């Protein structure tokens, strides 16, 4: 059974930081590209950041310079370090894994991030 479990969300003031974690089980973690998505209320889910099995990263323009995605293959975990948070970053953040040959894709249950004073 494959599970992705996100943690680290919460309420933070504008300008603050949070670190999200996504722990995977039931997959060969190093085979998977990992991504973080966000979904704001009433909006479609959108891609935030990607990290390949080799460690290459990519970011949405809206978070470049503020967010950093990383992974620890020994811990089967992907992280999203979020700095200089803005109210518009408020959303549910989801972890996604996609196998290198597209033969498996999985989602976590999401973690709420609220940026408000």
PDB file of N, CA and C in Angstrom:
ATOM      1  N   UNK A   1       0.832  -1.187   0.000  1.00  0.00           N
ATOM      2  CA  UNK A   1       0.000   0.000   0.000  1.00  0.00           C
ATOM      3  C   UNK A   1       0.872   1.246   0.000  1.00  0.00           C
ATOM      4  N   UNK A   2       0.572   2.144  -0.920  1.00  0.00           N
ATOM      5  CA  UNK A   2       1.346   3.375  -1.045  1.00  0.00           C
ATOM      6  C   UNK A   2       0.673   4.475  -0.237  1.00  0.00           C
ATOM      7  N   UNK A   3       1.448   5.170   0.552  1.00  0.00           N
ATOM      8  CA  UNK A   3       0.929   6.337   1.262  1.00  0.00           C
ATOM      9  C   UNK A   3       1.918   7.488   1.164  1.00  0.00           C
ATOM     10  N   UNK A   4       1.377   8.672   1.033  1.00  0.00           N
ATOM     11  CA  UNK A   4       2.139   9.915   1.128  1.00  0.00           C
ATOM     12  C   UNK A   4       1.484  10.722   2.240  1.00  0.00           C
ATOM     13  N   UNK A   5       2.257  11.084   3.238  1.00  0.00           N
ATOM     14  CA  UNK A   5       1.704  11.788   4.390  1.00  0.00           C
ATOM     15  C   UNK A   5       2.405  13.129   4.552  1.00  0.00           C
ATOM     16  N   UNK A   6       1.635  14.204   4.344  1.00  0.00           N
ATOM     17  CA  UNK A   6       2.180  15.543   4.505  1.00  0.00           C
ATOM     18  C   UNK A   6       2.056  16.005   5.960  1.00  0.00           C
ATOM     19  N   UNK A   7       2.958  16.869   6.343  1.00  0.00           N
ATOM     20  CA  UNK A   7       2.902  17.496   7.663  1.00  0.00           C
ATOM     21  C   UNK A   7       3.618  18.838   7.601  1.00  0.00           C
ATOM     22  N   UNK A   8       3.433  19.632   8.640  1.00  0.00           N
ATOM     23  CA  UNK A   8       4.141  20.900   8.742  1.00  0.00           C
ATOM     24  C   UNK A   8       3.324  22.139   8.426  1.00  0.00           C
ATOM     25  N   UNK A   9       2.084  21.949   7.987  1.00  0.00           N
ATOM     26  CA  UNK A   9       1.245  23.110   7.711  1.00  0.00           C
ATOM     27  C   UNK A   9       0.812  23.797   8.992  1.00  0.00           C
ATOM     28  N   UNK A  10       0.184  24.961   8.814  1.00  0.00           N
ATOM     29  CA  UNK A  10      -0.300  25.691   9.982  1.00  0.00           C
ATOM     30  C   UNK A  10      -0.578  27.132   9.653  1.00  0.00           C
ATOM     31  N   UNK A  11      -0.730  27.917  10.713  1.00  0.00           N
ATOM     32  CA  UNK A  11      -0.989  29.356  10.594  1.00  0.00           C
ATOM     33  C   UNK A  11       0.310  30.117  10.831  1.00  0.00           C
ATOM     34  N   UNK A  12       0.621  31.027   9.934  1.00  0.00           N
ATOM     35  CA  UNK A  12       1.853  31.812  10.050  1.00  0.00           C
ATOM     36  C   UNK A  12       1.568  33.242   9.613  1.00  0.00           C
ATOM     37  N   UNK A  13       2.285  34.183  10.181  1.00  0.00           N
ATOM     38  CA  UNK A  13       2.119  35.583   9.805  1.00  0.00           C
ATOM     39  C   UNK A  13       2.822  35.868   8.486  1.00  0.00           C
ATOM     40  N   UNK A  14       2.358  36.882   7.771  1.00  0.00           N
ATOM     41  CA  UNK A  14       3.074  37.276   6.542  1.00  0.00           C
ATOM     42  C   UNK A  14       4.550  37.549   6.836  1.00  0.00           C
ATOM     43  N   UNK A  15       5.396  37.063   5.928  1.00  0.00           N
ATOM     44  CA  UNK A  15       6.834  37.178   6.113  1.00  0.00           C
ATOM     45  C   UNK A  15       7.456  36.018   6.856  1.00  0.00           C
ATOM     46  N   UNK A  16       6.628  35.161   7.406  1.00  0.00           N
ATOM     47  CA  UNK A  16       7.121  34.015   8.165  1.00  0.00           C
ATOM     48  C   UNK A  16       7.514  32.844   7.284  1.00  0.00           C
ATOM     49  N   UNK A  17       7.885  31.753   7.951  1.00  0.00           N
ATOM     50  CA  UNK A  17       8.370  30.560   7.264  1.00  0.00           C
ATOM     51  C   UNK A  17       7.675  29.320   7.796  1.00  0.00           C
ATOM     52  N   UNK A  18       7.585  28.331   6.919  1.00  0.00           N
ATOM     53  CA  UNK A  18       7.127  26.996   7.289  1.00  0.00           C
ATOM     54  C   UNK A  18       7.923  25.990   6.477  1.00  0.00           C
ATOM     55  N   UNK A  19       8.068  24.789   7.036  1.00  0.00           N
ATOM     56  CA  UNK A  19       8.650  23.704   6.272  1.00  0.00           C
ATOM     57  C   UNK A  19       7.666  22.546   6.229  1.00  0.00           C
ATOM     58  N   UNK A  20       7.252  22.211   5.028  1.00  0.00           N
ATOM     59  CA  UNK A  20       6.371  21.064   4.833  1.00  0.00           C
ATOM     60  C   UNK A  20       7.210  19.815   4.586  1.00  0.00           C
ATOM     61  N   UNK A  21       6.694  18.693   5.063  1.00  0.00           N
ATOM     62  CA  UNK A  21       7.321  17.399   4.823  1.00  0.00           C
ATOM     63  C   UNK A  21       6.302  16.455   4.205  1.00  0.00           C
ATOM     64  N   UNK A  22       6.788  15.540   3.401  1.00  0.00           N
ATOM     65  CA  UNK A  22       5.931  14.502   2.815  1.00  0.00           C
ATOM     66  C   UNK A  22       6.705  13.192   2.905  1.00  0.00           C
ATOM     67  N   UNK A  23       6.216  12.307   3.744  1.00  0.00           N
ATOM     68  CA  UNK A  23       6.857  11.016   3.945  1.00  0.00           C
ATOM     69  C   UNK A  23       6.139   9.958   3.114  1.00  0.00           C
ATOM     70  N   UNK A  24       6.899   9.259   2.300  1.00  0.00           N
ATOM     71  CA  UNK A  24       6.338   8.247   1.406  1.00  0.00           C
ATOM     72  C   UNK A  24       6.640   6.848   1.926  1.00  0.00           C
ATOM     73  N   UNK A  25       5.703   5.953   1.691  1.00  0.00           N
ATOM     74  CA  UNK A  25       5.928   4.540   2.003  1.00  0.00           C
ATOM     75  C   UNK A  25       5.256   3.699   0.922  1.00  0.00           C
ATOM     76  N   UNK A  26       5.793   2.506   0.732  1.00  0.00           N
ATOM     77  CA  UNK A  26       5.205   1.600  -0.254  1.00  0.00           C
ATOM     78  C   UNK A  26       5.701   1.798  -1.668  1.00  0.00           C
ATOM     79  N   UNK A  27       6.672   2.687  -1.863  1.00  0.00           N
ATOM     80  CA  UNK A  27       7.248   2.908  -3.189  1.00  0.00           C
ATOM     81  C   UNK A  27       8.767   2.896  -3.087  1.00  0.00           C
ATOM     82  N   UNK A  28       9.420   2.677  -4.234  1.00  0.00           N
ATOM     83  CA  UNK A  28      10.879   2.847  -4.298  1.00  0.00           C
ATOM     84  C   UNK A  28      11.088   4.336  -4.548  1.00  0.00           C
ATOM     85  N   UNK A  29      11.315   5.069  -3.477  1.00  0.00           N
ATOM     86  CA  UNK A  29      11.266   6.527  -3.493  1.00  0.00           C
ATOM     87  C   UNK A  29      12.168   7.113  -4.575  1.00  0.00           C
ATOM     88  N   UNK A  30      13.344   6.539  -4.739  1.00  0.00           N
ATOM     89  CA  UNK A  30      14.307   7.100  -5.683  1.00  0.00           C
ATOM     90  C   UNK A  30      13.853   6.965  -7.135  1.00  0.00           C
ATOM     91  N   UNK A  31      12.819   6.191  -7.399  1.00  0.00           N
ATOM     92  CA  UNK A  31      12.285   6.030  -8.755  1.00  0.00           C
ATOM     93  C   UNK A  31      11.336   7.181  -9.139  1.00  0.00           C
ATOM     94  N   UNK A  32      10.998   8.011  -8.174  1.00  0.00           N
ATOM     95  CA  UNK A  32       9.903   8.948  -8.366  1.00  0.00           C
ATOM     96  C   UNK A  32      10.350  10.402  -8.394  1.00  0.00           C
ATOM     97  N   UNK A  33       9.789  11.140  -9.349  1.00  0.00           N
ATOM     98  CA  UNK A  33       9.820  12.595  -9.296  1.00  0.00           C
ATOM     99  C   UNK A  33       8.770  13.037  -8.281  1.00  0.00           C
ATOM    100  N   UNK A  34       9.140  13.975  -7.443  1.00  0.00           N
ATOM    101  CA  UNK A  34       8.251  14.450  -6.386  1.00  0.00           C
ATOM    102  C   UNK A  34       7.860  15.901  -6.669  1.00  0.00           C
ATOM    103  N   UNK A  35       6.622  16.218  -6.395  1.00  0.00           N
ATOM    104  CA  UNK A  35       6.112  17.564  -6.642  1.00  0.00           C
ATOM    105  C   UNK A  35       5.246  18.039  -5.476  1.00  0.00           C
ATOM    106  N   UNK A  36       5.215  19.336  -5.311  1.00  0.00           N
ATOM    107  CA  UNK A  36       4.266  19.982  -4.407  1.00  0.00           C
ATOM    108  C   UNK A  36       3.306  20.807  -5.247  1.00  0.00           C
ATOM    109  N   UNK A  37       2.038  20.667  -4.924  1.00  0.00           N
ATOM    110  CA  UNK A  37       0.980  21.454  -5.548  1.00  0.00           C
ATOM    111  C   UNK A  37       0.263  22.235  -4.441  1.00  0.00           C
ATOM    112  N   UNK A  38      -0.422  23.301  -4.845  1.00  0.00           N
ATOM    113  CA  UNK A  38      -1.305  23.980  -3.909  1.00  0.00           C
ATOM    114  C   UNK A  38      -2.683  24.150  -4.543  1.00  0.00           C
ATOM    115  N   UNK A  39      -3.664  24.227  -3.692  1.00  0.00           N
ATOM    116  CA  UNK A  39      -5.036  24.499  -4.141  1.00  0.00           C
ATOM    117  C   UNK A  39      -5.671  25.499  -3.194  1.00  0.00           C
ATOM    118  N   UNK A  40      -5.887  26.687  -3.700  1.00  0.00           N
ATOM    119  CA  UNK A  40      -6.549  27.727  -2.922  1.00  0.00           C
ATOM    120  C   UNK A  40      -8.063  27.559  -3.032  1.00  0.00           C
ATOM    121  N   UNK A  41      -8.803  28.081  -2.080  1.00  0.00           N
ATOM    122  CA  UNK A  41     -10.266  27.926  -2.109  1.00  0.00           C
ATOM    123  C   UNK A  41     -10.869  28.429  -3.416  1.00  0.00           C
ATOM    124  N   UNK A  42     -11.676  27.597  -4.046  1.00  0.00           N
ATOM    125  CA  UNK A  42     -12.357  27.978  -5.266  1.00  0.00           C
ATOM    126  C   UNK A  42     -11.497  28.003  -6.512  1.00  0.00           C
ATOM    127  N   UNK A  43     -10.264  27.514  -6.384  1.00  0.00           N
ATOM    128  CA  UNK A  43      -9.344  27.540  -7.538  1.00  0.00           C
ATOM    129  C   UNK A  43      -8.852  26.143  -7.864  1.00  0.00           C
ATOM    130  N   UNK A  44      -8.274  26.012  -9.054  1.00  0.00           N
ATOM    131  CA  UNK A  44      -7.712  24.732  -9.461  1.00  0.00           C
ATOM    132  C   UNK A  44      -6.379  24.479  -8.776  1.00  0.00           C
ATOM    133  N   UNK A  45      -6.062  23.203  -8.658  1.00  0.00           N
ATOM    134  CA  UNK A  45      -4.772  22.821  -8.116  1.00  0.00           C
ATOM    135  C   UNK A  45      -3.680  23.264  -9.082  1.00  0.00           C
ATOM    136  N   UNK A  46      -2.594  23.824  -8.520  1.00  0.00           N
ATOM    137  CA  UNK A  46      -1.507  24.285  -9.380  1.00  0.00           C
ATOM    138  C   UNK A  46      -0.158  23.809  -8.854  1.00  0.00           C
ATOM    139  N   UNK A  47       0.755  23.616  -9.793  1.00  0.00           N
ATOM    140  CA  UNK A  47       2.082  23.105  -9.464  1.00  0.00           C
ATOM    141  C   UNK A  47       2.927  24.199  -8.826  1.00  0.00           C
ATOM    142  N   UNK A  48       3.596  23.845  -7.746  1.00  0.00           N
ATOM    143  CA  UNK A  48       4.458  24.794  -7.026  1.00  0.00           C
ATOM    144  C   UNK A  48       5.927  24.505  -7.290  1.00  0.00           C
ATOM    145  N   UNK A  49       6.324  23.231  -7.108  1.00  0.00           N
ATOM    146  CA  UNK A  49       7.736  22.887  -7.207  1.00  0.00           C
ATOM    147  C   UNK A  49       7.886  21.411  -7.544  1.00  0.00           C
ATOM    148  N   UNK A  50       8.992  21.110  -8.248  1.00  0.00           N
ATOM    149  CA  UNK A  50       9.312  19.760  -8.698  1.00  0.00           C
ATOM    150  C   UNK A  50      10.747  19.437  -8.346  1.00  0.00           C
ATOM    151  N   UNK A  51      10.982  18.174  -7.955  1.00  0.00           N
ATOM    152  CA  UNK A  51      12.349  17.687  -7.799  1.00  0.00           C
ATOM    153  C   UNK A  51      12.407  16.286  -8.391  1.00  0.00           C
ATOM    154  N   UNK A  52      13.349  16.091  -9.304  1.00  0.00           N
ATOM    155  CA  UNK A  52      13.488  14.790  -9.950  1.00  0.00           C
ATOM    156  C   UNK A  52      14.269  13.829  -9.053  1.00  0.00           C
ATOM    157  N   UNK A  53      14.340  12.583  -9.482  1.00  0.00           N
ATOM    158  CA  UNK A  53      15.102  11.602  -8.719  1.00  0.00           C
ATOM    159  C   UNK A  53      16.573  11.978  -8.663  1.00  0.00           C
ATOM    160  N   UNK A  54      17.039  12.696  -9.671  1.00  0.00           N
ATOM    161  CA  UNK A  54      18.424  13.139  -9.692  1.00  0.00           C
ATOM    162  C   UNK A  54      18.682  14.437  -8.972  1.00  0.00           C
ATOM    163  N   UNK A  55      17.623  15.061  -8.465  1.00  0.00           N
ATOM    164  CA  UNK A  55      17.781  16.282  -7.683  1.00  0.00           C
ATOM    165  C   UNK A  55      17.568  17.573  -8.446  1.00  0.00           C
ATOM    166  N   UNK A  56      17.222  17.506  -9.718  1.00  0.00           N
ATOM    167  CA  UNK A  56      16.940  18.729 -10.474  1.00  0.00           C
ATOM    168  C   UNK A  56      15.627  19.336  -9.982  1.00  0.00           C
ATOM    169  N   UNK A  57      15.592  20.647  -9.879  1.00  0.00           N
ATOM    170  CA  UNK A  57      14.420  21.327  -9.328  1.00  0.00           C
ATOM    171  C   UNK A  57      13.847  22.336 -10.316  1.00  0.00           C
ATOM    172  N   UNK A  58      12.577  22.622 -10.110  1.00  0.00           N
ATOM    173  CA  UNK A  58      11.895  23.632 -10.909  1.00  0.00           C
ATOM    174  C   UNK A  58      10.796  24.239 -10.043  1.00  0.00           C
ATOM    175  N   UNK A  59      10.507  25.532 -10.280  1.00  0.00           N
ATOM    176  CA  UNK A  59       9.555  26.243  -9.433  1.00  0.00           C
ATOM    177  C   UNK A  59       8.590  27.079 -10.265  1.00  0.00           C
ATOM    178  N   UNK A  60       7.402  27.254  -9.722  1.00  0.00           N
ATOM    179  CA  UNK A  60       6.481  28.224 -10.294  1.00  0.00           C
ATOM    180  C   UNK A  60       7.061  29.621 -10.096  1.00  0.00           C
ATOM    181  N   UNK A  61       6.790  30.500 -11.038  1.00  0.00           N
ATOM    182  CA  UNK A  61       7.315  31.862 -10.957  1.00  0.00           C
ATOM    183  C   UNK A  61       6.904  32.544  -9.656  1.00  0.00           C
ATOM    184  N   UNK A  62       5.732  32.232  -9.174  1.00  0.00           N
ATOM    185  CA  UNK A  62       5.192  32.896  -7.992  1.00  0.00           C
ATOM    186  C   UNK A  62       5.966  32.577  -6.710  1.00  0.00           C
ATOM    187  N   UNK A  63       6.757  31.502  -6.714  1.00  0.00           N
ATOM    188  CA  UNK A  63       7.461  31.109  -5.496  1.00  0.00           C
ATOM    189  C   UNK A  63       8.973  31.118  -5.650  1.00  0.00           C
ATOM    190  N   UNK A  64       9.472  31.404  -6.844  1.00  0.00           N
ATOM    191  CA  UNK A  64      10.921  31.416  -7.068  1.00  0.00           C
ATOM    192  C   UNK A  64      11.601  32.394  -6.119  1.00  0.00           C
ATOM    193  N   UNK A  65      12.678  31.912  -5.521  1.00  0.00           N
ATOM    194  CA  UNK A  65      13.419  32.748  -4.593  1.00  0.00           C
ATOM    195  C   UNK A  65      12.876  32.721  -3.177  1.00  0.00           C
ATOM    196  N   UNK A  66      11.684  32.151  -2.990  1.00  0.00           N
ATOM    197  CA  UNK A  66      11.095  32.085  -1.647  1.00  0.00           C
ATOM    198  C   UNK A  66      10.951  30.641  -1.151  1.00  0.00           C
ATOM    199  N   UNK A  67      10.656  29.723  -2.052  1.00  0.00           N
ATOM    200  CA  UNK A  67      10.445  28.323  -1.678  1.00  0.00           C
ATOM    201  C   UNK A  67      11.614  27.475  -2.171  1.00  0.00           C
ATOM    202  N   UNK A  68      11.926  26.423  -1.425  1.00  0.00           N
ATOM    203  CA  UNK A  68      12.970  25.483  -1.816  1.00  0.00           C
ATOM    204  C   UNK A  68      12.459  24.061  -1.611  1.00  0.00           C
ATOM    205  N   UNK A  69      12.516  23.270  -2.670  1.00  0.00           N
ATOM    206  CA  UNK A  69      12.148  21.861  -2.569  1.00  0.00           C
ATOM    207  C   UNK A  69      13.430  21.037  -2.431  1.00  0.00           C
ATOM    208  N   UNK A  70      13.354  20.002  -1.594  1.00  0.00           N
ATOM    209  CA  UNK A  70      14.501  19.115  -1.414  1.00  0.00           C
ATOM    210  C   UNK A  70      13.978  17.726  -1.089  1.00  0.00           C
ATOM    211  N   UNK A  71      14.866  16.753  -1.161  1.00  0.00           N
ATOM    212  CA  UNK A  71      14.463  15.384  -0.858  1.00  0.00           C
ATOM    213  C   UNK A  71      15.580  14.671  -0.130  1.00  0.00           C
ATOM    214  N   UNK A  72      15.190  13.700   0.689  1.00  0.00           N
ATOM    215  CA  UNK A  72      16.117  12.828   1.396  1.00  0.00           C
ATOM    216  C   UNK A  72      15.711  11.402   1.046  1.00  0.00           C
ATOM    217  N   UNK A  73      16.419  10.809   0.115  1.00  0.00           N
ATOM    218  CA  UNK A  73      16.036   9.465  -0.349  1.00  0.00           C
ATOM    219  C   UNK A  73      16.201   8.420   0.750  1.00  0.00           C
ATOM    220  N   UNK A  74      17.097   8.656   1.674  1.00  0.00           N
ATOM    221  CA  UNK A  74      17.293   7.705   2.774  1.00  0.00           C
ATOM    222  C   UNK A  74      16.090   7.692   3.715  1.00  0.00           C
ATOM    223  N   UNK A  75      15.381   8.819   3.776  1.00  0.00           N
ATOM    224  CA  UNK A  75      14.209   8.928   4.651  1.00  0.00           C
ATOM    225  C   UNK A  75      12.902   8.865   3.890  1.00  0.00           C
ATOM    226  N   UNK A  76      12.980   8.680   2.567  1.00  0.00           N
ATOM    227  CA  UNK A  76      11.769   8.638   1.737  1.00  0.00           C
ATOM    228  C   UNK A  76      10.902   9.874   1.947  1.00  0.00           C
ATOM    229  N   UNK A  77      11.547  11.012   2.013  1.00  0.00           N
ATOM    230  CA  UNK A  77      10.835  12.236   2.366  1.00  0.00           C
ATOM    231  C   UNK A  77      11.222  13.378   1.426  1.00  0.00           C
ATOM    232  N   UNK A  78      10.219  14.171   1.063  1.00  0.00           N
ATOM    233  CA  UNK A  78      10.438  15.394   0.304  1.00  0.00           C
ATOM    234  C   UNK A  78       9.985  16.560   1.168  1.00  0.00           C
ATOM    235  N   UNK A  79      10.679  17.673   1.026  1.00  0.00           N
ATOM    236  CA  UNK A  79      10.412  18.856   1.847  1.00  0.00           C
ATOM    237  C   UNK A  79      10.094  20.057   0.956  1.00  0.00           C
ATOM    238  N   UNK A  80       9.383  20.995   1.544  1.00  0.00           N
ATOM    239  CA  UNK A  80       9.183  22.289   0.899  1.00  0.00           C
ATOM    240  C   UNK A  80       9.424  23.355   1.957  1.00  0.00           C
ATOM    241  N   UNK A  81      10.554  24.036   1.847  1.00  0.00           N
ATOM    242  CA  UNK A  81      10.863  25.147   2.742  1.00  0.00           C
ATOM    243  C   UNK A  81      10.247  26.403   2.151  1.00  0.00           C
ATOM    244  N   UNK A  82       9.373  27.040   2.910  1.00  0.00           N
ATOM    245  CA  UNK A  82       8.652  28.212   2.428  1.00  0.00           C
ATOM    246  C   UNK A  82       9.027  29.409   3.283  1.00  0.00           C
ATOM    247  N   UNK A  83       9.658  30.387   2.666  1.00  0.00           N
ATOM    248  CA  UNK A  83      10.072  31.606   3.345  1.00  0.00           C
ATOM    249  C   UNK A  83       9.331  32.805   2.777  1.00  0.00           C
ATOM    250  N   UNK A  84       9.379  33.896   3.493  1.00  0.00           N
ATOM    251  CA  UNK A  84       8.739  35.144   3.051  1.00  0.00           C
ATOM    252  C   UNK A  84       7.305  34.895   2.597  1.00  0.00           C
ATOM    253  N   UNK A  85       6.574  34.199   3.418  1.00  0.00           N
ATOM    254  CA  UNK A  85       5.216  33.806   3.038  1.00  0.00           C
ATOM    255  C   UNK A  85       4.300  35.016   2.909  1.00  0.00           C
ATOM    256  N   UNK A  86       3.378  34.903   1.965  1.00  0.00           N
ATOM    257  CA  UNK A  86       2.423  35.959   1.657  1.00  0.00           C
ATOM    258  C   UNK A  86       0.993  35.429   1.865  1.00  0.00           C
ATOM    259  N   UNK A  87       0.047  36.299   2.110  1.00  0.00           N
ATOM    260  CA  UNK A  87      -1.346  35.829   2.250  1.00  0.00           C
ATOM    261  C   UNK A  87      -1.819  35.022   1.036  1.00  0.00           C
ATOM    262  N   UNK A  88      -1.333  35.363  -0.131  1.00  0.00           N
ATOM    263  CA  UNK A  88      -1.752  34.627  -1.331  1.00  0.00           C
ATOM    264  C   UNK A  88      -1.171  33.228  -1.427  1.00  0.00           C
ATOM    265  N   UNK A  89      -0.267  32.864  -0.523  1.00  0.00           N
ATOM    266  CA  UNK A  89       0.243  31.491  -0.439  1.00  0.00           C
ATOM    267  C   UNK A  89      -0.723  30.588   0.320  1.00  0.00           C
ATOM    268  N   UNK A  90      -1.753  31.168   0.913  1.00  0.00           N
ATOM    269  CA  UNK A  90      -2.727  30.380   1.667  1.00  0.00           C
ATOM    270  C   UNK A  90      -3.414  29.374   0.761  1.00  0.00           C
ATOM    271  N   UNK A  91      -3.340  28.099   1.160  1.00  0.00           N
ATOM    272  CA  UNK A  91      -3.889  27.020   0.335  1.00  0.00           C
ATOM    273  C   UNK A  91      -3.699  25.700   1.062  1.00  0.00           C
ATOM    274  N   UNK A  92      -4.296  24.668   0.503  1.00  0.00           N
ATOM    275  CA  UNK A  92      -3.947  23.307   0.895  1.00  0.00           C
ATOM    276  C   UNK A  92      -2.802  22.871  -0.015  1.00  0.00           C
ATOM    277  N   UNK A  93      -1.751  22.356   0.592  1.00  0.00           N
ATOM    278  CA  UNK A  93      -0.574  21.912  -0.154  1.00  0.00           C
ATOM    279  C   UNK A  93      -0.571  20.391  -0.225  1.00  0.00           C
ATOM    280  N   UNK A  94      -0.385  19.887  -1.436  1.00  0.00           N
ATOM    281  CA  UNK A  94      -0.417  18.454  -1.685  1.00  0.00           C
ATOM    282  C   UNK A  94       0.925  17.964  -2.203  1.00  0.00           C
ATOM    283  N   UNK A  95       1.302  16.800  -1.755  1.00  0.00           N
ATOM    284  CA  UNK A  95       2.488  16.110  -2.230  1.00  0.00           C
ATOM    285  C   UNK A  95       2.070  15.134  -3.330  1.00  0.00           C
ATOM    286  N   UNK A  96       2.890  15.041  -4.371  1.00  0.00           N
ATOM    287  CA  UNK A  96       2.610  14.150  -5.503  1.00  0.00           C
ATOM    288  C   UNK A  96       3.874  13.396  -5.875  1.00  0.00           C
ATOM    289  N   UNK A  97       3.706  12.125  -6.221  1.00  0.00           N
ATOM    290  CA  UNK A  97       4.843  11.339  -6.692  1.00  0.00           C
ATOM    291  C   UNK A  97       4.488  10.722  -8.042  1.00  0.00           C
ATOM    292  N   UNK A  98       5.433  10.768  -8.959  1.00  0.00           N
ATOM    293  CA  UNK A  98       5.243  10.202 -10.293  1.00  0.00           C
ATOM    294  C   UNK A  98       6.446   9.351 -10.643  1.00  0.00           C
ATOM    295  N   UNK A  99       6.179   8.069 -10.909  1.00  0.00           N
ATOM    296  CA  UNK A  99       7.250   7.145 -11.250  1.00  0.00           C
ATOM    297  C   UNK A  99       7.913   7.520 -12.560  1.00  0.00           C
ATOM    298  N   UNK A 100       9.185   7.210 -12.706  1.00  0.00           N
ATOM    299  CA  UNK A 100       9.984   7.656 -13.850  1.00  0.00           C
ATOM    300  C   UNK A 100       9.394   7.202 -15.176  1.00  0.00           C
ATOM    301  N   UNK A 101       8.676   6.045 -15.197  1.00  0.00           N
ATOM    302  CA  UNK A 101       8.100   5.517 -16.425  1.00  0.00           C
ATOM    303  C   UNK A 101       6.595   5.773 -16.492  1.00  0.00           C
ATOM    304  N   UNK A 102       6.107   6.679 -15.666  1.00  0.00           N
ATOM    305  CA  UNK A 102       4.690   7.056 -15.620  1.00  0.00           C
ATOM    306  C   UNK A 102       3.773   5.900 -15.246  1.00  0.00           C
ATOM    307  N   UNK A 103       4.287   4.882 -14.600  1.00  0.00           N
ATOM    308  CA  UNK A 103       3.478   3.713 -14.269  1.00  0.00           C
ATOM    309  C   UNK A 103       2.975   3.747 -12.840  1.00  0.00           C
ATOM    310  N   UNK A 104       3.083   4.893 -12.199  1.00  0.00           N
ATOM    311  CA  UNK A 104       2.527   5.024 -10.863  1.00  0.00           C
ATOM    312  C   UNK A 104       2.504   6.482 -10.468  1.00  0.00           C
ATOM    313  N   UNK A 105       1.361   6.957 -10.006  1.00  0.00           N
ATOM    314  CA  UNK A 105       1.243   8.338  -9.536  1.00  0.00           C
ATOM    315  C   UNK A 105       0.384   8.316  -8.277  1.00  0.00           C
ATOM    316  N   UNK A 106       0.847   9.046  -7.269  1.00  0.00           N
ATOM    317  CA  UNK A 106       0.171   9.030  -5.981  1.00  0.00           C
ATOM    318  C   UNK A 106       0.104  10.425  -5.391  1.00  0.00           C
ATOM    319  N   UNK A 107      -0.934  10.646  -4.571  1.00  0.00           N
ATOM    320  CA  UNK A 107      -1.150  11.940  -3.925  1.00  0.00           C
ATOM    321  C   UNK A 107      -1.269  11.772  -2.424  1.00  0.00           C
ATOM    322  N   UNK A 108      -0.827  12.776  -1.708  1.00  0.00           N
ATOM    323  CA  UNK A 108      -1.078  12.833  -0.282  1.00  0.00           C
ATOM    324  C   UNK A 108      -2.432  13.448  -0.009  1.00  0.00           C
ATOM    325  N   UNK A 109      -2.767  13.557   1.275  1.00  0.00           N
ATOM    326  CA  UNK A 109      -4.080  14.042   1.667  1.00  0.00           C
ATOM    327  C   UNK A 109      -4.135  15.560   1.794  1.00  0.00           C
ATOM    328  N   UNK A 110      -2.987  16.190   1.781  1.00  0.00           N
ATOM    329  CA  UNK A 110      -2.914  17.649   1.848  1.00  0.00           C
ATOM    330  C   UNK A 110      -2.700  18.171   3.249  1.00  0.00           C
ATOM    331  N   UNK A 111      -2.074  19.335   3.321  1.00  0.00           N
ATOM    332  CA  UNK A 111      -1.879  20.023   4.594  1.00  0.00           C
ATOM    333  C   UNK A 111      -2.195  21.497   4.387  1.00  0.00           C
ATOM    334  N   UNK A 112      -2.930  22.078   5.331  1.00  0.00           N
ATOM    335  CA  UNK A 112      -3.384  23.457   5.192  1.00  0.00           C
ATOM    336  C   UNK A 112      -2.295  24.426   5.612  1.00  0.00           C
ATOM    337  N   UNK A 113      -2.054  25.412   4.776  1.00  0.00           N
ATOM    338  CA  UNK A 113      -1.160  26.523   5.103  1.00  0.00           C
ATOM    339  C   UNK A 113      -1.983  27.807   5.048  1.00  0.00           C
ATOM    340  N   UNK A 114      -1.984  28.545   6.139  1.00  0.00           N
ATOM    341  CA  UNK A 114      -2.715  29.807   6.207  1.00  0.00           C
ATOM    342  C   UNK A 114      -1.749  30.909   6.593  1.00  0.00           C
ATOM    343  N   UNK A 115      -1.680  31.923   5.744  1.00  0.00           N
ATOM    344  CA  UNK A 115      -0.793  33.063   5.997  1.00  0.00           C
ATOM    345  C   UNK A 115      -1.682  34.272   6.301  1.00  0.00           C
ATOM    346  N   UNK A 116      -1.654  34.695   7.544  1.00  0.00           N
ATOM    347  CA  UNK A 116      -2.555  35.772   7.962  1.00  0.00           C
ATOM    348  C   UNK A 116      -2.018  36.424   9.223  1.00  0.00           C
ATOM    349  N   UNK A 117      -2.279  37.719   9.333  1.00  0.00           N
ATOM    350  CA  UNK A 117      -1.907  38.430  10.558  1.00  0.00           C
ATOM    351  C   UNK A 117      -3.077  38.453  11.531  1.00  0.00           C
TER     352      UNK A 117
END
